Amino acid sequence: MFEQSIQLILADRSRIQTDMAALGGDAIQPAIAGHAGNASFGDSLRQAFVNVDAREHEAAERLAAVDSGRSDDLVGAMLASQQASLSFSMLTQVRNKVVGAVDELSKLSL
């Protein structure tokens, strides 16, 4: 069941990446580049949290720079903000899939 949930998550990620490529979003990178063979699922999630948090901070800094007049790159700031938002949404979907998988596991009779 757990392996099936991981496969569903990876399939969703692949579909999203395909959609992004079709829209010309080659510059957008996923929060997790890939699941390393020796890294645990928990380590991958921790790394995703760190990456999403870094994107949120970067977007906030770029928006603050535009607001204060230190930068005139409004488009870049808005793109960074949207990337942070998409990263957070994707992380939320992973969380929902994991919670669903845990619920399914708890329903199994041993």
PDB file of N, CA and C in Angstrom:
ATOM      1  N   MET A   1       0.828  -1.187   0.000  1.00  0.00           N
ATOM      2  CA  MET A   1       0.000   0.000   0.000  1.00  0.00           C
ATOM      3  C   MET A   1       0.872   1.249   0.000  1.00  0.00           C
ATOM      4  N   PHE A   2       1.924   1.267   0.831  1.00  0.00           N
ATOM      5  CA  PHE A   2       2.823   2.413   0.911  1.00  0.00           C
ATOM      6  C   PHE A   2       3.526   2.628  -0.424  1.00  0.00           C
ATOM      7  N   GLU A   3       3.984   1.533  -1.030  1.00  0.00           N
ATOM      8  CA  GLU A   3       4.666   1.617  -2.320  1.00  0.00           C
ATOM      9  C   GLU A   3       3.718   2.153  -3.387  1.00  0.00           C
ATOM     10  N   GLN A   4       2.455   1.752  -3.317  1.00  0.00           N
ATOM     11  CA  GLN A   4       1.452   2.240  -4.268  1.00  0.00           C
ATOM     12  C   GLN A   4       1.244   3.745  -4.102  1.00  0.00           C
ATOM     13  N   SER A   5       1.249   4.231  -2.871  1.00  0.00           N
ATOM     14  CA  SER A   5       1.096   5.660  -2.615  1.00  0.00           C
ATOM     15  C   SER A   5       2.276   6.440  -3.181  1.00  0.00           C
ATOM     16  N   ILE A   6       3.474   5.907  -3.020  1.00  0.00           N
ATOM     17  CA  ILE A   6       4.653   6.566  -3.580  1.00  0.00           C
ATOM     18  C   ILE A   6       4.551   6.611  -5.097  1.00  0.00           C
ATOM     19  N   GLN A   7       4.094   5.531  -5.690  1.00  0.00           N
ATOM     20  CA  GLN A   7       3.940   5.505  -7.148  1.00  0.00           C
ATOM     21  C   GLN A   7       2.918   6.542  -7.615  1.00  0.00           C
ATOM     22  N   LEU A   8       1.838   6.699  -6.866  1.00  0.00           N
ATOM     23  CA  LEU A   8       0.830   7.702  -7.212  1.00  0.00           C
ATOM     24  C   LEU A   8       1.405   9.111  -7.101  1.00  0.00           C
ATOM     25  N   ILE A   9       2.185   9.355  -6.058  1.00  0.00           N
ATOM     26  CA  ILE A   9       2.807  10.662  -5.872  1.00  0.00           C
ATOM     27  C   ILE A   9       3.769  10.952  -7.021  1.00  0.00           C
ATOM     28  N   LEU A  10       4.582   9.978  -7.379  1.00  0.00           N
ATOM     29  CA  LEU A  10       5.532  10.171  -8.470  1.00  0.00           C
ATOM     30  C   LEU A  10       4.821  10.364  -9.804  1.00  0.00           C
ATOM     31  N   ALA A  11       3.706   9.661 -10.007  1.00  0.00           N
ATOM     32  CA  ALA A  11       2.924   9.838 -11.235  1.00  0.00           C
ATOM     33  C   ALA A  11       2.333  11.246 -11.296  1.00  0.00           C
ATOM     34  N   ASP A  12       1.821  11.729 -10.156  1.00  0.00           N
ATOM     35  CA  ASP A  12       1.288  13.099 -10.117  1.00  0.00           C
ATOM     36  C   ASP A  12       2.386  14.111 -10.407  1.00  0.00           C
ATOM     37  N   ARG A  13       3.551  13.897  -9.806  1.00  0.00           N
ATOM     38  CA  ARG A  13       4.675  14.814 -10.031  1.00  0.00           C
ATOM     39  C   ARG A  13       5.083  14.816 -11.497  1.00  0.00           C
ATOM     40  N   SER A  14       5.125  13.646 -12.097  1.00  0.00           N
ATOM     41  CA  SER A  14       5.487  13.541 -13.508  1.00  0.00           C
ATOM     42  C   SER A  14       4.472  14.264 -14.386  1.00  0.00           C
ATOM     43  N   ARG A  15       3.187  14.105 -14.074  1.00  0.00           N
ATOM     44  CA  ARG A  15       2.137  14.770 -14.842  1.00  0.00           C
ATOM     45  C   ARG A  15       2.259  16.284 -14.716  1.00  0.00           C
ATOM     46  N   ILE A  16       2.541  16.767 -13.519  1.00  0.00           N
ATOM     47  CA  ILE A  16       2.687  18.208 -13.296  1.00  0.00           C
ATOM     48  C   ILE A  16       3.891  18.738 -14.048  1.00  0.00           C
ATOM     49  N   GLN A  17       4.998  17.997 -14.027  1.00  0.00           N
ATOM     50  CA  GLN A  17       6.187  18.428 -14.750  1.00  0.00           C
ATOM     51  C   GLN A  17       5.932  18.465 -16.253  1.00  0.00           C
ATOM     52  N   THR A  18       5.187  17.490 -16.767  1.00  0.00           N
ATOM     53  CA  THR A  18       4.847  17.474 -18.184  1.00  0.00           C
ATOM     54  C   THR A  18       3.984  18.686 -18.537  1.00  0.00           C
ATOM     55  N   ASP A  19       3.021  18.990 -17.681  1.00  0.00           N
ATOM     56  CA  ASP A  19       2.175  20.158 -17.903  1.00  0.00           C
ATOM     57  C   ASP A  19       2.990  21.447 -17.869  1.00  0.00           C
ATOM     58  N   MET A  20       3.943  21.537 -16.927  1.00  0.00           N
ATOM     59  CA  MET A  20       4.791  22.728 -16.833  1.00  0.00           C
ATOM     60  C   MET A  20       5.651  22.881 -18.081  1.00  0.00           C
ATOM     61  N   ALA A  21       6.196  21.767 -18.574  1.00  0.00           N
ATOM     62  CA  ALA A  21       7.036  21.821 -19.767  1.00  0.00           C
ATOM     63  C   ALA A  21       6.213  22.271 -20.977  1.00  0.00           C
ATOM     64  N   ALA A  22       4.958  21.818 -21.047  1.00  0.00           N
ATOM     65  CA  ALA A  22       4.088  22.217 -22.150  1.00  0.00           C
ATOM     66  C   ALA A  22       3.778  23.714 -22.091  1.00  0.00           C
ATOM     67  N   LEU A  23       3.777  24.268 -20.891  1.00  0.00           N
ATOM     68  CA  LEU A  23       3.523  25.701 -20.725  1.00  0.00           C
ATOM     69  C   LEU A  23       4.801  26.527 -20.844  1.00  0.00           C
ATOM     70  N   GLY A  24       5.939  25.870 -21.031  1.00  0.00           N
ATOM     71  CA  GLY A  24       7.203  26.590 -21.148  1.00  0.00           C
ATOM     72  C   GLY A  24       7.848  26.885 -19.816  1.00  0.00           C
ATOM     73  N   GLY A  25       7.530  26.119 -18.796  1.00  0.00           N
ATOM     74  CA  GLY A  25       8.057  26.353 -17.458  1.00  0.00           C
ATOM     75  C   GLY A  25       9.308  25.558 -17.164  1.00  0.00           C
ATOM     76  N   ASP A  26      10.264  25.553 -18.095  1.00  0.00           N
ATOM     77  CA  ASP A  26      11.489  24.776 -17.906  1.00  0.00           C
ATOM     78  C   ASP A  26      12.318  25.275 -16.730  1.00  0.00           C
ATOM     79  N   ALA A  27      12.176  26.552 -16.370  1.00  0.00           N
ATOM     80  CA  ALA A  27      12.994  27.114 -15.297  1.00  0.00           C
ATOM     81  C   ALA A  27      12.497  26.705 -13.912  1.00  0.00           C
ATOM     82  N   ILE A  28      11.280  26.166 -13.827  1.00  0.00           N
ATOM     83  CA  ILE A  28      10.717  25.789 -12.537  1.00  0.00           C
ATOM     84  C   ILE A  28      11.205  24.390 -12.190  1.00  0.00           C
ATOM     85  N   GLN A  29      11.793  24.252 -11.019  1.00  0.00           N
ATOM     86  CA  GLN A  29      12.311  22.972 -10.557  1.00  0.00           C
ATOM     87  C   GLN A  29      11.439  22.456  -9.423  1.00  0.00           C
ATOM     88  N   PRO A  30      11.253  21.130  -9.331  1.00  0.00           N
ATOM     89  CA  PRO A  30      10.483  20.591  -8.222  1.00  0.00           C
ATOM     90  C   PRO A  30      11.214  20.772  -6.898  1.00  0.00           C
ATOM     91  N   ALA A  31      10.474  20.709  -5.804  1.00  0.00           N
ATOM     92  CA  ALA A  31      11.074  20.866  -4.476  1.00  0.00           C
ATOM     93  C   ALA A  31      12.052  19.745  -4.182  1.00  0.00           C
ATOM     94  N   ILE A  32      11.783  18.536  -4.692  1.00  0.00           N
ATOM     95  CA  ILE A  32      12.681  17.399  -4.526  1.00  0.00           C
ATOM     96  C   ILE A  32      13.137  16.980  -5.914  1.00  0.00           C
ATOM     97  N   ALA A  33      14.439  16.986  -6.146  1.00  0.00           N
ATOM     98  CA  ALA A  33      14.963  16.645  -7.469  1.00  0.00           C
ATOM     99  C   ALA A  33      14.751  15.173  -7.793  1.00  0.00           C
ATOM    100  N   GLY A  34      14.705  14.343  -6.833  1.00  0.00           N
ATOM    101  CA  GLY A  34      14.512  12.916  -7.041  1.00  0.00           C
ATOM    102  C   GLY A  34      14.759  12.176  -5.747  1.00  0.00           C
ATOM    103  N   HIS A  35      14.265  10.976  -5.656  1.00  0.00           N
ATOM    104  CA  HIS A  35      14.439  10.198  -4.438  1.00  0.00           C
ATOM    105  C   HIS A  35      15.750   9.432  -4.552  1.00  0.00           C
ATOM    106  N   ALA A  36      16.726   9.824  -3.756  1.00  0.00           N
ATOM    107  CA  ALA A  36      18.027   9.151  -3.767  1.00  0.00           C
ATOM    108  C   ALA A  36      17.877   7.750  -3.194  1.00  0.00           C
ATOM    109  N   GLY A  37      18.700   6.846  -3.663  1.00  0.00           N
ATOM    110  CA  GLY A  37      18.598   5.460  -3.247  1.00  0.00           C
ATOM    111  C   GLY A  37      18.836   5.239  -1.769  1.00  0.00           C
ATOM    112  N   ASN A  38      19.681   6.050  -1.133  1.00  0.00           N
ATOM    113  CA  ASN A  38      20.001   5.821   0.275  1.00  0.00           C
ATOM    114  C   ASN A  38      19.275   6.784   1.210  1.00  0.00           C
ATOM    115  N   ALA A  39      18.484   7.703   0.680  1.00  0.00           N
ATOM    116  CA  ALA A  39      17.750   8.653   1.519  1.00  0.00           C
ATOM    117  C   ALA A  39      16.392   8.062   1.895  1.00  0.00           C
ATOM    118  N   SER A  40      15.984   8.291   3.130  1.00  0.00           N
ATOM    119  CA  SER A  40      14.682   7.786   3.554  1.00  0.00           C
ATOM    120  C   SER A  40      13.583   8.736   3.087  1.00  0.00           C
ATOM    121  N   PHE A  41      12.367   8.275   3.145  1.00  0.00           N
ATOM    122  CA  PHE A  41      11.232   9.103   2.746  1.00  0.00           C
ATOM    123  C   PHE A  41      11.135  10.323   3.657  1.00  0.00           C
ATOM    124  N   GLY A  42      11.407  10.125   4.938  1.00  0.00           N
ATOM    125  CA  GLY A  42      11.386  11.235   5.885  1.00  0.00           C
ATOM    126  C   GLY A  42      12.434  12.285   5.558  1.00  0.00           C
ATOM    127  N   ASP A  43      13.629  11.833   5.162  1.00  0.00           N
ATOM    128  CA  ASP A  43      14.680  12.771   4.765  1.00  0.00           C
ATOM    129  C   ASP A  43      14.269  13.560   3.527  1.00  0.00           C
ATOM    130  N   SER A  44      13.627  12.876   2.590  1.00  0.00           N
ATOM    131  CA  SER A  44      13.148  13.553   1.381  1.00  0.00           C
ATOM    132  C   SER A  44      12.097  14.600   1.721  1.00  0.00           C
ATOM    133  N   LEU A  45      11.200  14.269   2.641  1.00  0.00           N
ATOM    134  CA  LEU A  45      10.186  15.243   3.044  1.00  0.00           C
ATOM    135  C   LEU A  45      10.817  16.430   3.754  1.00  0.00           C
ATOM    136  N   ARG A  46      11.791  16.158   4.630  1.00  0.00           N
ATOM    137  CA  ARG A  46      12.485  17.266   5.316  1.00  0.00           C
ATOM    138  C   ARG A  46      13.151  18.194   4.302  1.00  0.00           C
ATOM    139  N   GLN A  47      13.802  17.606   3.303  1.00  0.00           N
ATOM    140  CA  GLN A  47      14.459  18.400   2.272  1.00  0.00           C
ATOM    141  C   GLN A  47      13.431  19.205   1.478  1.00  0.00           C
ATOM    142  N   ALA A  48      12.280  18.619   1.220  1.00  0.00           N
ATOM    143  CA  ALA A  48      11.220  19.346   0.511  1.00  0.00           C
ATOM    144  C   ALA A  48      10.745  20.531   1.337  1.00  0.00           C
ATOM    145  N   PHE A  49      10.576  20.336   2.653  1.00  0.00           N
ATOM    146  CA  PHE A  49      10.173  21.447   3.526  1.00  0.00           C
ATOM    147  C   PHE A  49      11.199  22.567   3.489  1.00  0.00           C
ATOM    148  N   VAL A  50      12.477  22.196   3.540  1.00  0.00           N
ATOM    149  CA  VAL A  50      13.544  23.197   3.510  1.00  0.00           C
ATOM    150  C   VAL A  50      13.529  23.959   2.179  1.00  0.00           C
ATOM    151  N   ASN A  51      13.371  23.236   1.073  1.00  0.00           N
ATOM    152  CA  ASN A  51      13.355  23.876  -0.243  1.00  0.00           C
ATOM    153  C   ASN A  51      12.149  24.794  -0.416  1.00  0.00           C
ATOM    154  N   VAL A  52      10.986  24.342   0.027  1.00  0.00           N
ATOM    155  CA  VAL A  52       9.791  25.170  -0.087  1.00  0.00           C
ATOM    156  C   VAL A  52       9.935  26.418   0.778  1.00  0.00           C
ATOM    157  N   ASP A  53      10.476  26.254   1.976  1.00  0.00           N
ATOM    158  CA  ASP A  53      10.690  27.401   2.853  1.00  0.00           C
ATOM    159  C   ASP A  53      11.670  28.397   2.229  1.00  0.00           C
ATOM    160  N   ALA A  54      12.726  27.884   1.610  1.00  0.00           N
ATOM    161  CA  ALA A  54      13.701  28.767   0.960  1.00  0.00           C
ATOM    162  C   ALA A  54      13.064  29.540  -0.183  1.00  0.00           C
ATOM    163  N   ARG A  55      12.207  28.874  -0.952  1.00  0.00           N
ATOM    164  CA  ARG A  55      11.512  29.568  -2.043  1.00  0.00           C
ATOM    165  C   ARG A  55      10.584  30.645  -1.508  1.00  0.00           C
ATOM    166  N   GLU A  56       9.905  30.349  -0.409  1.00  0.00           N
ATOM    167  CA  GLU A  56       9.012  31.347   0.186  1.00  0.00           C
ATOM    168  C   GLU A  56       9.804  32.563   0.657  1.00  0.00           C
ATOM    169  N   HIS A  57      10.956  32.326   1.298  1.00  0.00           N
ATOM    170  CA  HIS A  57      11.788  33.437   1.771  1.00  0.00           C
ATOM    171  C   HIS A  57      12.339  34.247   0.602  1.00  0.00           C
ATOM    172  N   GLU A  58      12.782  33.565  -0.450  1.00  0.00           N
ATOM    173  CA  GLU A  58      13.305  34.267  -1.620  1.00  0.00           C
ATOM    174  C   GLU A  58      12.224  35.134  -2.255  1.00  0.00           C
ATOM    175  N   ALA A  59      11.015  34.581  -2.386  1.00  0.00           N
ATOM    176  CA  ALA A  59       9.917  35.353  -2.973  1.00  0.00           C
ATOM    177  C   ALA A  59       9.592  36.568  -2.106  1.00  0.00           C
ATOM    178  N   ALA A  60       9.593  36.375  -0.792  1.00  0.00           N
ATOM    179  CA  ALA A  60       9.295  37.491   0.109  1.00  0.00           C
ATOM    180  C   ALA A  60      10.363  38.579  -0.007  1.00  0.00           C
ATOM    181  N   GLU A  61      11.623  38.175  -0.115  1.00  0.00           N
ATOM    182  CA  GLU A  61      12.707  39.148  -0.256  1.00  0.00           C
ATOM    183  C   GLU A  61      12.594  39.918  -1.568  1.00  0.00           C
ATOM    184  N   ARG A  62      12.262  39.197  -2.650  1.00  0.00           N
ATOM    185  CA  ARG A  62      12.138  39.866  -3.949  1.00  0.00           C
ATOM    186  C   ARG A  62      10.953  40.824  -3.965  1.00  0.00           C
ATOM    187  N   LEU A  63       9.846  40.432  -3.360  1.00  0.00           N
ATOM    188  CA  LEU A  63       8.690  41.324  -3.282  1.00  0.00           C
ATOM    189  C   LEU A  63       8.991  42.536  -2.408  1.00  0.00           C
ATOM    190  N   ALA A  64       9.714  42.328  -1.303  1.00  0.00           N
ATOM    191  CA  ALA A  64      10.086  43.443  -0.435  1.00  0.00           C
ATOM    192  C   ALA A  64      11.021  44.405  -1.165  1.00  0.00           C
ATOM    193  N   ALA A  65      11.921  43.879  -1.988  1.00  0.00           N
ATOM    194  CA  ALA A  65      12.835  44.729  -2.755  1.00  0.00           C
ATOM    195  C   ALA A  65      12.064  45.590  -3.756  1.00  0.00           C
ATOM    196  N   VAL A  66      11.058  45.001  -4.382  1.00  0.00           N
ATOM    197  CA  VAL A  66      10.229  45.775  -5.321  1.00  0.00           C
ATOM    198  C   VAL A  66       9.424  46.818  -4.563  1.00  0.00           C
ATOM    199  N   ASP A  67       8.841  46.430  -3.430  1.00  0.00           N
ATOM    200  CA  ASP A  67       8.046  47.369  -2.633  1.00  0.00           C
ATOM    201  C   ASP A  67       8.863  48.558  -2.144  1.00  0.00           C
ATOM    202  N   SER A  68      10.111  48.306  -1.764  1.00  0.00           N
ATOM    203  CA  SER A  68      10.943  49.380  -1.218  1.00  0.00           C
ATOM    204  C   SER A  68      11.648  50.189  -2.305  1.00  0.00           C
ATOM    205  N   GLY A  69      11.545  49.768  -3.551  1.00  0.00           N
ATOM    206  CA  GLY A  69      12.173  50.499  -4.642  1.00  0.00           C
ATOM    207  C   GLY A  69      13.598  50.086  -4.921  1.00  0.00           C
ATOM    208  N   ARG A  70      14.113  49.074  -4.228  1.00  0.00           N
ATOM    209  CA  ARG A  70      15.474  48.606  -4.468  1.00  0.00           C
ATOM    210  C   ARG A  70      15.588  47.828  -5.765  1.00  0.00           C
ATOM    211  N   SER A  71      14.459  47.357  -6.294  1.00  0.00           N
ATOM    212  CA  SER A  71      14.450  46.573  -7.518  1.00  0.00           C
ATOM    213  C   SER A  71      13.246  46.978  -8.356  1.00  0.00           C
ATOM    214  N   ASP A  72      13.391  46.869  -9.666  1.00  0.00           N
ATOM    215  CA  ASP A  72      12.253  47.137 -10.544  1.00  0.00           C
ATOM    216  C   ASP A  72      11.817  45.865 -11.281  1.00  0.00           C
ATOM    217  N   ASP A  73      12.244  44.719 -10.779  1.00  0.00           N
ATOM    218  CA  ASP A  73      11.921  43.430 -11.398  1.00  0.00           C
ATOM    219  C   ASP A  73      10.614  42.884 -10.824  1.00  0.00           C
ATOM    220  N   LEU A  74       9.522  43.536 -11.156  1.00  0.00           N
ATOM    221  CA  LEU A  74       8.213  43.099 -10.658  1.00  0.00           C
ATOM    222  C   LEU A  74       7.837  41.732 -11.215  1.00  0.00           C
ATOM    223  N   VAL A  75       8.147  41.514 -12.495  1.00  0.00           N
ATOM    224  CA  VAL A  75       7.807  40.235 -13.123  1.00  0.00           C
ATOM    225  C   VAL A  75       8.564  39.096 -12.436  1.00  0.00           C
ATOM    226  N   GLY A  76       9.847  39.286 -12.186  1.00  0.00           N
ATOM    227  CA  GLY A  76      10.639  38.258 -11.502  1.00  0.00           C
ATOM    228  C   GLY A  76      10.126  37.989 -10.103  1.00  0.00           C
ATOM    229  N   ALA A  77       9.721  39.063  -9.406  1.00  0.00           N
ATOM    230  CA  ALA A  77       9.193  38.897  -8.052  1.00  0.00           C
ATOM    231  C   ALA A  77       7.872  38.128  -8.081  1.00  0.00           C
ATOM    232  N   MET A  78       7.026  38.434  -9.047  1.00  0.00           N
ATOM    233  CA  MET A  78       5.745  37.724  -9.152  1.00  0.00           C
ATOM    234  C   MET A  78       5.948  36.264  -9.543  1.00  0.00           C
ATOM    235  N   LEU A  79       6.908  36.010 -10.433  1.00  0.00           N
ATOM    236  CA  LEU A  79       7.209  34.618 -10.799  1.00  0.00           C
ATOM    237  C   LEU A  79       7.744  33.844  -9.601  1.00  0.00           C
ATOM    238  N   ALA A  80       8.616  34.461  -8.825  1.00  0.00           N
ATOM    239  CA  ALA A  80       9.143  33.806  -7.625  1.00  0.00           C
ATOM    240  C   ALA A  80       8.017  33.510  -6.647  1.00  0.00           C
ATOM    241  N   SER A  81       7.079  34.451  -6.535  1.00  0.00           N
ATOM    242  CA  SER A  81       5.937  34.253  -5.649  1.00  0.00           C
ATOM    243  C   SER A  81       5.069  33.086  -6.124  1.00  0.00           C
ATOM    244  N   GLN A  82       4.839  32.995  -7.430  1.00  0.00           N
ATOM    245  CA  GLN A  82       4.033  31.899  -7.975  1.00  0.00           C
ATOM    246  C   GLN A  82       4.751  30.560  -7.834  1.00  0.00           C
ATOM    247  N   GLN A  83       6.075  30.560  -8.024  1.00  0.00           N
ATOM    248  CA  GLN A  83       6.839  29.325  -7.841  1.00  0.00           C
ATOM    249  C   GLN A  83       6.753  28.846  -6.396  1.00  0.00           C
ATOM    250  N   ALA A  84       6.844  29.775  -5.465  1.00  0.00           N
ATOM    251  CA  ALA A  84       6.726  29.415  -4.047  1.00  0.00           C
ATOM    252  C   ALA A  84       5.339  28.869  -3.759  1.00  0.00           C
ATOM    253  N   SER A  85       4.336  29.492  -4.338  1.00  0.00           N
ATOM    254  CA  SER A  85       2.962  29.035  -4.132  1.00  0.00           C
ATOM    255  C   SER A  85       2.749  27.633  -4.711  1.00  0.00           C
ATOM    256  N   LEU A  86       3.268  27.396  -5.911  1.00  0.00           N
ATOM    257  CA  LEU A  86       3.142  26.065  -6.525  1.00  0.00           C
ATOM    258  C   LEU A  86       3.900  25.010  -5.726  1.00  0.00           C
ATOM    259  N   SER A  87       5.076  25.364  -5.239  1.00  0.00           N
ATOM    260  CA  SER A  87       5.851  24.425  -4.425  1.00  0.00           C
ATOM    261  C   SER A  87       5.088  24.044  -3.166  1.00  0.00           C
ATOM    262  N   PHE A  88       4.477  25.048  -2.537  1.00  0.00           N
ATOM    263  CA  PHE A  88       3.705  24.774  -1.326  1.00  0.00           C
ATOM    264  C   PHE A  88       2.487  23.907  -1.652  1.00  0.00           C
ATOM    265  N   SER A  89       1.824  24.197  -2.769  1.00  0.00           N
ATOM    266  CA  SER A  89       0.668  23.384  -3.174  1.00  0.00           C
ATOM    267  C   SER A  89       1.062  21.940  -3.441  1.00  0.00           C
ATOM    268  N   MET A  90       2.199  21.754  -4.106  1.00  0.00           N
ATOM    269  CA  MET A  90       2.652  20.392  -4.386  1.00  0.00           C
ATOM    270  C   MET A  90       2.999  19.663  -3.091  1.00  0.00           C
ATOM    271  N   LEU A  91       3.633  20.372  -2.159  1.00  0.00           N
ATOM    272  CA  LEU A  91       3.967  19.764  -0.875  1.00  0.00           C
ATOM    273  C   LEU A  91       2.700  19.405  -0.096  1.00  0.00           C
ATOM    274  N   THR A  92       1.693  20.243  -0.188  1.00  0.00           N
ATOM    275  CA  THR A  92       0.411  19.961   0.460  1.00  0.00           C
ATOM    276  C   THR A  92      -0.231  18.710  -0.139  1.00  0.00           C
ATOM    277  N   GLN A  93      -0.131  18.559  -1.456  1.00  0.00           N
ATOM    278  CA  GLN A  93      -0.685  17.364  -2.093  1.00  0.00           C
ATOM    279  C   GLN A  93       0.057  16.103  -1.654  1.00  0.00           C
ATOM    280  N   VAL A  94       1.369  16.202  -1.506  1.00  0.00           N
ATOM    281  CA  VAL A  94       2.146  15.058  -1.010  1.00  0.00           C
ATOM    282  C   VAL A  94       1.693  14.706   0.402  1.00  0.00           C
ATOM    283  N   ARG A  95       1.520  15.740   1.222  1.00  0.00           N
ATOM    284  CA  ARG A  95       1.039  15.516   2.591  1.00  0.00           C
ATOM    285  C   ARG A  95      -0.314  14.809   2.573  1.00  0.00           C
ATOM    286  N   ASN A  96      -1.224  15.259   1.716  1.00  0.00           N
ATOM    287  CA  ASN A  96      -2.551  14.647   1.633  1.00  0.00           C
ATOM    288  C   ASN A  96      -2.463  13.190   1.208  1.00  0.00           C
ATOM    289  N   LYS A  97      -1.569  12.890   0.261  1.00  0.00           N
ATOM    290  CA  LYS A  97      -1.397  11.503  -0.186  1.00  0.00           C
ATOM    291  C   LYS A  97      -0.840  10.634   0.946  1.00  0.00           C
ATOM    292  N   VAL A  98       0.117  11.164   1.687  1.00  0.00           N
ATOM    293  CA  VAL A  98       0.714  10.406   2.793  1.00  0.00           C
ATOM    294  C   VAL A  98      -0.332  10.161   3.880  1.00  0.00           C
ATOM    295  N   VAL A  99      -1.112  11.180   4.216  1.00  0.00           N
ATOM    296  CA  VAL A  99      -2.155  11.016   5.229  1.00  0.00           C
ATOM    297  C   VAL A  99      -3.175   9.975   4.767  1.00  0.00           C
ATOM    298  N   GLY A 100      -3.538  10.027   3.486  1.00  0.00           N
ATOM    299  CA  GLY A 100      -4.462   9.030   2.945  1.00  0.00           C
ATOM    300  C   GLY A 100      -3.895   7.627   3.018  1.00  0.00           C
ATOM    301  N   ALA A 101      -2.600   7.492   2.730  1.00  0.00           N
ATOM    302  CA  ALA A 101      -1.958   6.174   2.780  1.00  0.00           C
ATOM    303  C   ALA A 101      -1.913   5.660   4.218  1.00  0.00           C
ATOM    304  N   VAL A 102      -1.622   6.539   5.181  1.00  0.00           N
ATOM    305  CA  VAL A 102      -1.591   6.139   6.580  1.00  0.00           C
ATOM    306  C   VAL A 102      -2.993   5.707   7.036  1.00  0.00           C
ATOM    307  N   ASP A 103      -4.006   6.435   6.605  1.00  0.00           N
ATOM    308  CA  ASP A 103      -5.383   6.060   6.940  1.00  0.00           C
ATOM    309  C   ASP A 103      -5.715   4.676   6.386  1.00  0.00           C
ATOM    310  N   GLU A 104      -5.303   4.403   5.155  1.00  0.00           N
ATOM    311  CA  GLU A 104      -5.550   3.096   4.551  1.00  0.00           C
ATOM    312  C   GLU A 104      -4.811   2.004   5.325  1.00  0.00           C
ATOM    313  N   LEU A 105      -3.575   2.286   5.713  1.00  0.00           N
ATOM    314  CA  LEU A 105      -2.807   1.297   6.475  1.00  0.00           C
ATOM    315  C   LEU A 105      -3.455   1.015   7.833  1.00  0.00           C
ATOM    316  N   SER A 106      -4.005   2.049   8.454  1.00  0.00           N
ATOM    317  CA  SER A 106      -4.618   1.848   9.770  1.00  0.00           C
ATOM    318  C   SER A 106      -5.908   1.030   9.665  1.00  0.00           C
ATOM    319  N   LYS A 107      -6.511   0.986   8.493  1.00  0.00           N
ATOM    320  CA  LYS A 107      -7.748   0.218   8.301  1.00  0.00           C
ATOM    321  C   LYS A 107      -7.474  -1.262   8.024  1.00  0.00           C
ATOM    322  N   LEU A 108      -6.224  -1.581   7.707  1.00  0.00           N
ATOM    323  CA  LEU A 108      -5.894  -2.980   7.407  1.00  0.00           C
ATOM    324  C   LEU A 108      -5.994  -3.823   8.670  1.00  0.00           C
ATOM    325  N   SER A 109      -6.539  -5.005   8.516  1.00  0.00           N
ATOM    326  CA  SER A 109      -6.596  -5.915   9.667  1.00  0.00           C
ATOM    327  C   SER A 109      -5.383  -6.837   9.623  1.00  0.00           C
ATOM    328  N   LEU A 110      -4.796  -7.031  10.755  1.00  0.00           N
ATOM    329  CA  LEU A 110      -3.600  -7.879  10.828  1.00  0.00           C
ATOM    330  C   LEU A 110      -3.912  -9.215  11.407  1.00  0.00           C
TER     331      LEU A 110
END
